[in-house]
């Protein structure tokens, strides 16, 4: 991957993007080649695991907070 990201063709076609990683700082990675229209895209790191879980379950899926807590305690969302 490192060799591909340093390839002159990759650089000339702007086929990579830099994003911030929580542990590694600024990293370079390939971006998705699929594009629709001329709109520019803002790249950012993916959310951390379980970042929006409470919101999605309570606000979008109408779970009671107690149910979400029971799921968390049971390990449904992985080890915290």
PDB file of N, CA and C in Angstrom:
ATOM      1  N   UNK A   1       0.831  -1.178   0.000  1.00  0.00           N
ATOM      2  CA  UNK A   1       0.000   0.000   0.000  1.00  0.00           C
ATOM      3  C   UNK A   1       0.880   1.247   0.000  1.00  0.00           C
ATOM      4  N   UNK A   2       1.929   1.250   0.798  1.00  0.00           N
ATOM      5  CA  UNK A   2       2.786   2.431   0.864  1.00  0.00           C
ATOM      6  C   UNK A   2       3.372   2.760  -0.513  1.00  0.00           C
ATOM      7  N   UNK A   3       3.775   1.726  -1.239  1.00  0.00           N
ATOM      8  CA  UNK A   3       4.353   1.943  -2.573  1.00  0.00           C
ATOM      9  C   UNK A   3       3.304   2.534  -3.520  1.00  0.00           C
ATOM     10  N   UNK A   4       2.098   2.029  -3.455  1.00  0.00           N
ATOM     11  CA  UNK A   4       1.027   2.529  -4.327  1.00  0.00           C
ATOM     12  C   UNK A   4       0.718   3.991  -4.026  1.00  0.00           C
ATOM     13  N   UNK A   5       0.736   4.363  -2.764  1.00  0.00           N
ATOM     14  CA  UNK A   5       0.424   5.746  -2.398  1.00  0.00           C
ATOM     15  C   UNK A   5       1.511   6.718  -2.848  1.00  0.00           C
ATOM     16  N   UNK A   6       2.748   6.215  -3.009  1.00  0.00           N
ATOM     17  CA  UNK A   6       3.857   7.073  -3.447  1.00  0.00           C
ATOM     18  C   UNK A   6       4.048   7.073  -4.960  1.00  0.00           C
ATOM     19  N   UNK A   7       3.287   6.277  -5.658  1.00  0.00           N
ATOM     20  CA  UNK A   7       3.404   6.183  -7.105  1.00  0.00           C
ATOM     21  C   UNK A   7       3.086   7.539  -7.753  1.00  0.00           C
ATOM     22  N   UNK A   8       3.862   7.971  -8.732  1.00  0.00           N
ATOM     23  CA  UNK A   8       3.609   9.263  -9.388  1.00  0.00           C
ATOM     24  C   UNK A   8       2.211   9.376  -9.999  1.00  0.00           C
ATOM     25  N   UNK A   9       1.716   8.279 -10.550  1.00  0.00           N
ATOM     26  CA  UNK A   9       0.369   8.292 -11.138  1.00  0.00           C
ATOM     27  C   UNK A   9      -0.679   8.577 -10.065  1.00  0.00           C
ATOM     28  N   UNK A  10      -0.509   7.956  -8.910  1.00  0.00           N
ATOM     29  CA  UNK A  10      -1.442   8.178  -7.795  1.00  0.00           C
ATOM     30  C   UNK A  10      -1.439   9.645  -7.389  1.00  0.00           C
ATOM     31  N   UNK A  11      -0.244  10.221  -7.279  1.00  0.00           N
ATOM     32  CA  UNK A  11      -0.133  11.629  -6.893  1.00  0.00           C
ATOM     33  C   UNK A  11      -0.721  12.547  -7.959  1.00  0.00           C
ATOM     34  N   UNK A  12      -0.427  12.268  -9.225  1.00  0.00           N
ATOM     35  CA  UNK A  12      -0.905  13.119 -10.310  1.00  0.00           C
ATOM     36  C   UNK A  12      -2.427  13.103 -10.421  1.00  0.00           C
ATOM     37  N   UNK A  13      -3.030  11.990 -10.097  1.00  0.00           N
ATOM     38  CA  UNK A  13      -4.487  11.868 -10.201  1.00  0.00           C
ATOM     39  C   UNK A  13      -5.190  12.162  -8.877  1.00  0.00           C
ATOM     40  N   UNK A  14      -4.420  12.560  -7.870  1.00  0.00           N
ATOM     41  CA  UNK A  14      -4.978  12.889  -6.550  1.00  0.00           C
ATOM     42  C   UNK A  14      -5.843  11.747  -6.022  1.00  0.00           C
ATOM     43  N   UNK A  15      -5.261  10.551  -5.981  1.00  0.00           N
ATOM     44  CA  UNK A  15      -5.992   9.345  -5.579  1.00  0.00           C
ATOM     45  C   UNK A  15      -5.777   8.966  -4.119  1.00  0.00           C
ATOM     46  N   UNK A  16      -5.227   9.869  -3.341  1.00  0.00           N
ATOM     47  CA  UNK A  16      -5.072   9.592  -1.919  1.00  0.00           C
ATOM     48  C   UNK A  16      -5.508  10.818  -1.122  1.00  0.00           C
ATOM     49  N   UNK A  17      -5.740  10.603   0.143  1.00  0.00           N
ATOM     50  CA  UNK A  17      -6.205  11.670   1.018  1.00  0.00           C
ATOM     51  C   UNK A  17      -5.540  11.510   2.377  1.00  0.00           C
ATOM     52  N   UNK A  18      -5.316  12.614   3.048  1.00  0.00           N
ATOM     53  CA  UNK A  18      -4.765  12.571   4.399  1.00  0.00           C
ATOM     54  C   UNK A  18      -5.895  12.777   5.391  1.00  0.00           C
ATOM     55  N   UNK A  19      -5.910  11.950   6.428  1.00  0.00           N
ATOM     56  CA  UNK A  19      -6.884  12.083   7.504  1.00  0.00           C
ATOM     57  C   UNK A  19      -6.161  11.964   8.835  1.00  0.00           C
ATOM     58  N   UNK A  20      -6.821  12.401   9.882  1.00  0.00           N
ATOM     59  CA  UNK A  20      -6.243  12.324  11.219  1.00  0.00           C
ATOM     60  C   UNK A  20      -6.676  11.035  11.898  1.00  0.00           C
ATOM     61  N   UNK A  21      -5.706  10.338  12.464  1.00  0.00           N
ATOM     62  CA  UNK A  21      -5.950   9.100  13.204  1.00  0.00           C
ATOM     63  C   UNK A  21      -5.670   9.376  14.672  1.00  0.00           C
ATOM     64  N   UNK A  22      -6.501   8.821  15.546  1.00  0.00           N
ATOM     65  CA  UNK A  22      -6.354   9.084  16.980  1.00  0.00           C
ATOM     66  C   UNK A  22      -5.001   8.666  17.542  1.00  0.00           C
ATOM     67  N   UNK A  23      -4.432   7.574  17.037  1.00  0.00           N
ATOM     68  CA  UNK A  23      -3.179   7.055  17.594  1.00  0.00           C
ATOM     69  C   UNK A  23      -1.963   7.328  16.715  1.00  0.00           C
ATOM     70  N   UNK A  24      -2.155   7.432  15.397  1.00  0.00           N
ATOM     71  CA  UNK A  24      -1.032   7.533  14.476  1.00  0.00           C
ATOM     72  C   UNK A  24      -0.839   8.918  13.883  1.00  0.00           C
ATOM     73  N   UNK A  25      -1.681   9.867  14.252  1.00  0.00           N
ATOM     74  CA  UNK A  25      -1.561  11.214  13.702  1.00  0.00           C
ATOM     75  C   UNK A  25      -2.098  11.290  12.283  1.00  0.00           C
ATOM     76  N   UNK A  26      -1.438  12.065  11.441  1.00  0.00           N
ATOM     77  CA  UNK A  26      -1.877  12.219  10.055  1.00  0.00           C
ATOM     78  C   UNK A  26      -1.464  10.990   9.254  1.00  0.00           C
ATOM     79  N   UNK A  27      -2.433  10.374   8.584  1.00  0.00           N
ATOM     80  CA  UNK A  27      -2.139   9.209   7.758  1.00  0.00           C
ATOM     81  C   UNK A  27      -2.620   9.460   6.336  1.00  0.00           C
ATOM     82  N   UNK A  28      -1.980   8.813   5.408  1.00  0.00           N
ATOM     83  CA  UNK A  28      -2.364   8.912   3.996  1.00  0.00           C
ATOM     84  C   UNK A  28      -3.014   7.595   3.608  1.00  0.00           C
ATOM     85  N   UNK A  29      -4.114   7.682   2.898  1.00  0.00           N
ATOM     86  CA  UNK A  29      -4.834   6.484   2.477  1.00  0.00           C
ATOM     87  C   UNK A  29      -5.510   6.732   1.148  1.00  0.00           C
ATOM     88  N   UNK A  30      -5.809   5.651   0.421  1.00  0.00           N
ATOM     89  CA  UNK A  30      -6.528   5.834  -0.845  1.00  0.00           C
ATOM     90  C   UNK A  30      -7.958   6.267  -0.567  1.00  0.00           C
ATOM     91  N   UNK A  31      -8.531   7.028  -1.474  1.00  0.00           N
ATOM     92  CA  UNK A  31      -9.923   7.402  -1.302  1.00  0.00           C
ATOM     93  C   UNK A  31     -10.784   6.642  -2.290  1.00  0.00           C
ATOM     94  N   UNK A  32     -12.052   6.653  -2.042  1.00  0.00           N
ATOM     95  CA  UNK A  32     -12.991   5.939  -2.897  1.00  0.00           C
ATOM     96  C   UNK A  32     -12.994   6.542  -4.295  1.00  0.00           C
ATOM     97  N   UNK A  33     -12.855   5.723  -5.322  1.00  0.00           N
ATOM     98  CA  UNK A  33     -12.849   6.257  -6.679  1.00  0.00           C
ATOM     99  C   UNK A  33     -14.237   6.643  -7.187  1.00  0.00           C
ATOM    100  N   UNK A  34     -15.273   6.183  -6.511  1.00  0.00           N
ATOM    101  CA  UNK A  34     -16.624   6.507  -6.956  1.00  0.00           C
ATOM    102  C   UNK A  34     -16.992   7.941  -6.643  1.00  0.00           C
ATOM    103  N   UNK A  35     -17.401   8.681  -7.646  1.00  0.00           N
ATOM    104  CA  UNK A  35     -17.806  10.077  -7.459  1.00  0.00           C
ATOM    105  C   UNK A  35     -19.091  10.327  -8.224  1.00  0.00           C
ATOM    106  N   UNK A  36     -19.875  11.238  -7.700  1.00  0.00           N
ATOM    107  CA  UNK A  36     -21.106  11.635  -8.372  1.00  0.00           C
ATOM    108  C   UNK A  36     -21.105  13.155  -8.449  1.00  0.00           C
ATOM    109  N   UNK A  37     -21.109  13.689  -9.640  1.00  0.00           N
ATOM    110  CA  UNK A  37     -21.131  15.136  -9.800  1.00  0.00           C
ATOM    111  C   UNK A  37     -19.793  15.777  -9.506  1.00  0.00           C
ATOM    112  N   UNK A  38     -19.831  17.091  -9.344  1.00  0.00           N
ATOM    113  CA  UNK A  38     -18.617  17.871  -9.128  1.00  0.00           C
ATOM    114  C   UNK A  38     -18.448  18.327  -7.681  1.00  0.00           C
ATOM    115  N   UNK A  39     -19.319  17.880  -6.810  1.00  0.00           N
ATOM    116  CA  UNK A  39     -19.251  18.323  -5.411  1.00  0.00           C
ATOM    117  C   UNK A  39     -17.958  17.858  -4.753  1.00  0.00           C
ATOM    118  N   UNK A  40     -17.352  18.738  -3.988  1.00  0.00           N
ATOM    119  CA  UNK A  40     -16.151  18.357  -3.263  1.00  0.00           C
ATOM    120  C   UNK A  40     -16.546  17.537  -2.042  1.00  0.00           C
ATOM    121  N   UNK A  41     -15.628  16.712  -1.591  1.00  0.00           N
ATOM    122  CA  UNK A  41     -15.881  15.801  -0.483  1.00  0.00           C
ATOM    123  C   UNK A  41     -14.964  16.157   0.671  1.00  0.00           C
ATOM    124  N   UNK A  42     -15.495  16.143   1.867  1.00  0.00           N
ATOM    125  CA  UNK A  42     -14.680  16.339   3.059  1.00  0.00           C
ATOM    126  C   UNK A  42     -14.391  14.974   3.661  1.00  0.00           C
ATOM    127  N   UNK A  43     -13.119  14.653   3.815  1.00  0.00           N
ATOM    128  CA  UNK A  43     -12.735  13.369   4.380  1.00  0.00           C
ATOM    129  C   UNK A  43     -12.489  13.524   5.870  1.00  0.00           C
ATOM    130  N   UNK A  44     -12.934  12.535   6.620  1.00  0.00           N
ATOM    131  CA  UNK A  44     -12.710  12.522   8.063  1.00  0.00           C
ATOM    132  C   UNK A  44     -12.630  11.081   8.512  1.00  0.00           C
ATOM    133  N   UNK A  45     -12.098  10.891   9.677  1.00  0.00           N
ATOM    134  CA  UNK A  45     -11.972   9.526  10.179  1.00  0.00           C
ATOM    135  C   UNK A  45     -13.346   8.962  10.505  1.00  0.00           C
ATOM    136  N   UNK A  46     -13.430   7.670  10.516  1.00  0.00           N
ATOM    137  CA  UNK A  46     -14.687   7.010  10.884  1.00  0.00           C
ATOM    138  C   UNK A  46     -14.954   7.233  12.368  1.00  0.00           C
ATOM    139  N   UNK A  47     -16.195   7.215  12.777  1.00  0.00           N
ATOM    140  CA  UNK A  47     -16.477   7.376  14.204  1.00  0.00           C
ATOM    141  C   UNK A  47     -15.921   6.205  15.005  1.00  0.00           C
ATOM    142  N   UNK A  48     -15.615   6.470  16.243  1.00  0.00           N
ATOM    143  CA  UNK A  48     -15.146   5.400  17.131  1.00  0.00           C
ATOM    144  C   UNK A  48     -16.270   4.409  17.372  1.00  0.00           C
ATOM    145  N   UNK A  49     -15.905   3.199  17.705  1.00  0.00           N
ATOM    146  CA  UNK A  49     -16.901   2.158  17.968  1.00  0.00           C
ATOM    147  C   UNK A  49     -17.868   2.622  19.050  1.00  0.00           C
ATOM    148  N   UNK A  50     -19.144   2.430  18.812  1.00  0.00           N
ATOM    149  CA  UNK A  50     -20.233   2.781  19.731  1.00  0.00           C
ATOM    150  C   UNK A  50     -20.434   4.283  19.911  1.00  0.00           C
ATOM    151  N   UNK A  51     -19.812   5.100  19.083  1.00  0.00           N
ATOM    152  CA  UNK A  51     -19.912   6.552  19.237  1.00  0.00           C
ATOM    153  C   UNK A  51     -21.362   7.038  19.210  1.00  0.00           C
ATOM    154  N   UNK A  52     -22.175   6.568  18.286  1.00  0.00           N
ATOM    155  CA  UNK A  52     -23.547   7.031  18.187  1.00  0.00           C
ATOM    156  C   UNK A  52     -24.580   6.004  18.607  1.00  0.00           C
ATOM    157  N   UNK A  53     -24.151   4.974  19.290  1.00  0.00           N
ATOM    158  CA  UNK A  53     -25.054   3.877  19.633  1.00  0.00           C
ATOM    159  C   UNK A  53     -26.253   4.347  20.438  1.00  0.00           C
ATOM    160  N   UNK A  54     -26.023   5.107  21.494  1.00  0.00           N
ATOM    161  CA  UNK A  54     -27.120   5.535  22.364  1.00  0.00           C
ATOM    162  C   UNK A  54     -28.120   6.382  21.575  1.00  0.00           C
ATOM    163  N   UNK A  55     -27.619   7.310  20.772  1.00  0.00           N
ATOM    164  CA  UNK A  55     -28.500   8.157  19.967  1.00  0.00           C
ATOM    165  C   UNK A  55     -29.341   7.316  18.996  1.00  0.00           C
ATOM    166  N   UNK A  56     -28.686   6.437  18.270  1.00  0.00           N
ATOM    167  CA  UNK A  56     -29.400   5.616  17.285  1.00  0.00           C
ATOM    168  C   UNK A  56     -30.469   4.767  17.958  1.00  0.00           C
ATOM    169  N   UNK A  57     -30.115   4.118  19.055  1.00  0.00           N
ATOM    170  CA  UNK A  57     -31.073   3.228  19.713  1.00  0.00           C
ATOM    171  C   UNK A  57     -32.216   3.981  20.384  1.00  0.00           C
ATOM    172  N   UNK A  58     -31.928   5.099  21.045  1.00  0.00           N
ATOM    173  CA  UNK A  58     -32.987   5.798  21.771  1.00  0.00           C
ATOM    174  C   UNK A  58     -33.784   6.751  20.897  1.00  0.00           C
ATOM    175  N   UNK A  59     -33.105   7.507  20.048  1.00  0.00           N
ATOM    176  CA  UNK A  59     -33.795   8.531  19.246  1.00  0.00           C
ATOM    177  C   UNK A  59     -34.380   7.992  17.941  1.00  0.00           C
ATOM    178  N   UNK A  60     -33.650   7.114  17.292  1.00  0.00           N
ATOM    179  CA  UNK A  60     -34.113   6.619  15.997  1.00  0.00           C
ATOM    180  C   UNK A  60     -34.929   5.332  16.102  1.00  0.00           C
ATOM    181  N   UNK A  61     -34.535   4.457  17.036  1.00  0.00           N
ATOM    182  CA  UNK A  61     -35.229   3.173  17.163  1.00  0.00           C
ATOM    183  C   UNK A  61     -36.159   3.109  18.363  1.00  0.00           C
ATOM    184  N   UNK A  62     -36.211   4.202  19.117  1.00  0.00           N
ATOM    185  CA  UNK A  62     -37.149   4.332  20.244  1.00  0.00           C
ATOM    186  C   UNK A  62     -36.952   3.299  21.352  1.00  0.00           C
ATOM    187  N   UNK A  63     -35.704   2.878  21.587  1.00  0.00           N
ATOM    188  CA  UNK A  63     -35.417   1.997  22.722  1.00  0.00           C
ATOM    189  C   UNK A  63     -35.431   2.845  23.993  1.00  0.00           C
ATOM    190  N   UNK A  64     -35.909   2.284  25.064  1.00  0.00           N
ATOM    191  CA  UNK A  64     -35.845   2.961  26.362  1.00  0.00           C
ATOM    192  C   UNK A  64     -34.388   2.964  26.827  1.00  0.00           C
ATOM    193  N   UNK A  65     -33.937   4.029  27.507  1.00  0.00           N
ATOM    194  CA  UNK A  65     -32.560   4.068  28.004  1.00  0.00           C
ATOM    195  C   UNK A  65     -32.211   2.851  28.865  1.00  0.00           C
ATOM    196  N   UNK A  66     -33.188   2.354  29.622  1.00  0.00           N
ATOM    197  CA  UNK A  66     -32.937   1.179  30.460  1.00  0.00           C
ATOM    198  C   UNK A  66     -32.630  -0.055  29.603  1.00  0.00           C
ATOM    199  N   UNK A  67     -33.290  -0.164  28.480  1.00  0.00           N
ATOM    200  CA  UNK A  67     -33.030  -1.288  27.581  1.00  0.00           C
ATOM    201  C   UNK A  67     -31.627  -1.194  26.984  1.00  0.00           C
ATOM    202  N   UNK A  68     -31.224   0.010  26.612  1.00  0.00           N
ATOM    203  CA  UNK A  68     -29.883   0.213  26.069  1.00  0.00           C
ATOM    204  C   UNK A  68     -28.844  -0.136  27.119  1.00  0.00           C
ATOM    205  N   UNK A  69     -29.071   0.287  28.351  1.00  0.00           N
ATOM    206  CA  UNK A  69     -28.134  -0.022  29.435  1.00  0.00           C
ATOM    207  C   UNK A  69     -28.062  -1.526  29.676  1.00  0.00           C
ATOM    208  N   UNK A  70     -29.193  -2.203  29.631  1.00  0.00           N
ATOM    209  CA  UNK A  70     -29.196  -3.661  29.810  1.00  0.00           C
ATOM    210  C   UNK A  70     -28.403  -4.338  28.689  1.00  0.00           C
ATOM    211  N   UNK A  71     -28.547  -3.855  27.489  1.00  0.00           N
ATOM    212  CA  UNK A  71     -27.780  -4.393  26.370  1.00  0.00           C
ATOM    213  C   UNK A  71     -26.283  -4.153  26.567  1.00  0.00           C
ATOM    214  N   UNK A  72     -25.935  -2.952  27.010  1.00  0.00           N
ATOM    215  CA  UNK A  72     -24.519  -2.628  27.250  1.00  0.00           C
ATOM    216  C   UNK A  72     -23.921  -3.548  28.300  1.00  0.00           C
ATOM    217  N   UNK A  73     -24.639  -3.715  29.414  1.00  0.00           N
ATOM    218  CA  UNK A  73     -24.155  -4.558  30.505  1.00  0.00           C
ATOM    219  C   UNK A  73     -24.011  -6.012  30.058  1.00  0.00           C
ATOM    220  N   UNK A  74     -24.902  -6.446  29.170  1.00  0.00           N
ATOM    221  CA  UNK A  74     -24.836  -7.834  28.695  1.00  0.00           C
ATOM    222  C   UNK A  74     -23.695  -8.070  27.712  1.00  0.00           C
ATOM    223  N   UNK A  75     -23.035  -6.981  27.262  1.00  0.00           N
ATOM    224  CA  UNK A  75     -21.922  -7.113  26.340  1.00  0.00           C
ATOM    225  C   UNK A  75     -22.324  -7.027  24.882  1.00  0.00           C
ATOM    226  N   UNK A  76     -23.547  -6.586  24.608  1.00  0.00           N
ATOM    227  CA  UNK A  76     -24.041  -6.530  23.235  1.00  0.00           C
ATOM    228  C   UNK A  76     -23.221  -5.589  22.348  1.00  0.00           C
ATOM    229  N   UNK A  77     -22.555  -4.633  22.927  1.00  0.00           N
ATOM    230  CA  UNK A  77     -21.786  -3.657  22.146  1.00  0.00           C
ATOM    231  C   UNK A  77     -20.284  -3.911  22.227  1.00  0.00           C
ATOM    232  N   UNK A  78     -19.893  -5.039  22.737  1.00  0.00           N
ATOM    233  CA  UNK A  78     -18.480  -5.372  22.882  1.00  0.00           C
ATOM    234  C   UNK A  78     -17.949  -4.894  24.219  1.00  0.00           C
ATOM    235  N   UNK A  79     -16.692  -5.143  24.413  1.00  0.00           N
ATOM    236  CA  UNK A  79     -16.029  -4.751  25.653  1.00  0.00           C
ATOM    237  C   UNK A  79     -15.731  -3.266  25.593  1.00  0.00           C
ATOM    238  N   UNK A  80     -16.152  -2.553  26.606  1.00  0.00           N
ATOM    239  CA  UNK A  80     -15.954  -1.090  26.625  1.00  0.00           C
ATOM    240  C   UNK A  80     -14.526  -0.728  26.915  1.00  0.00           C
TER     241      UNK A  80
END
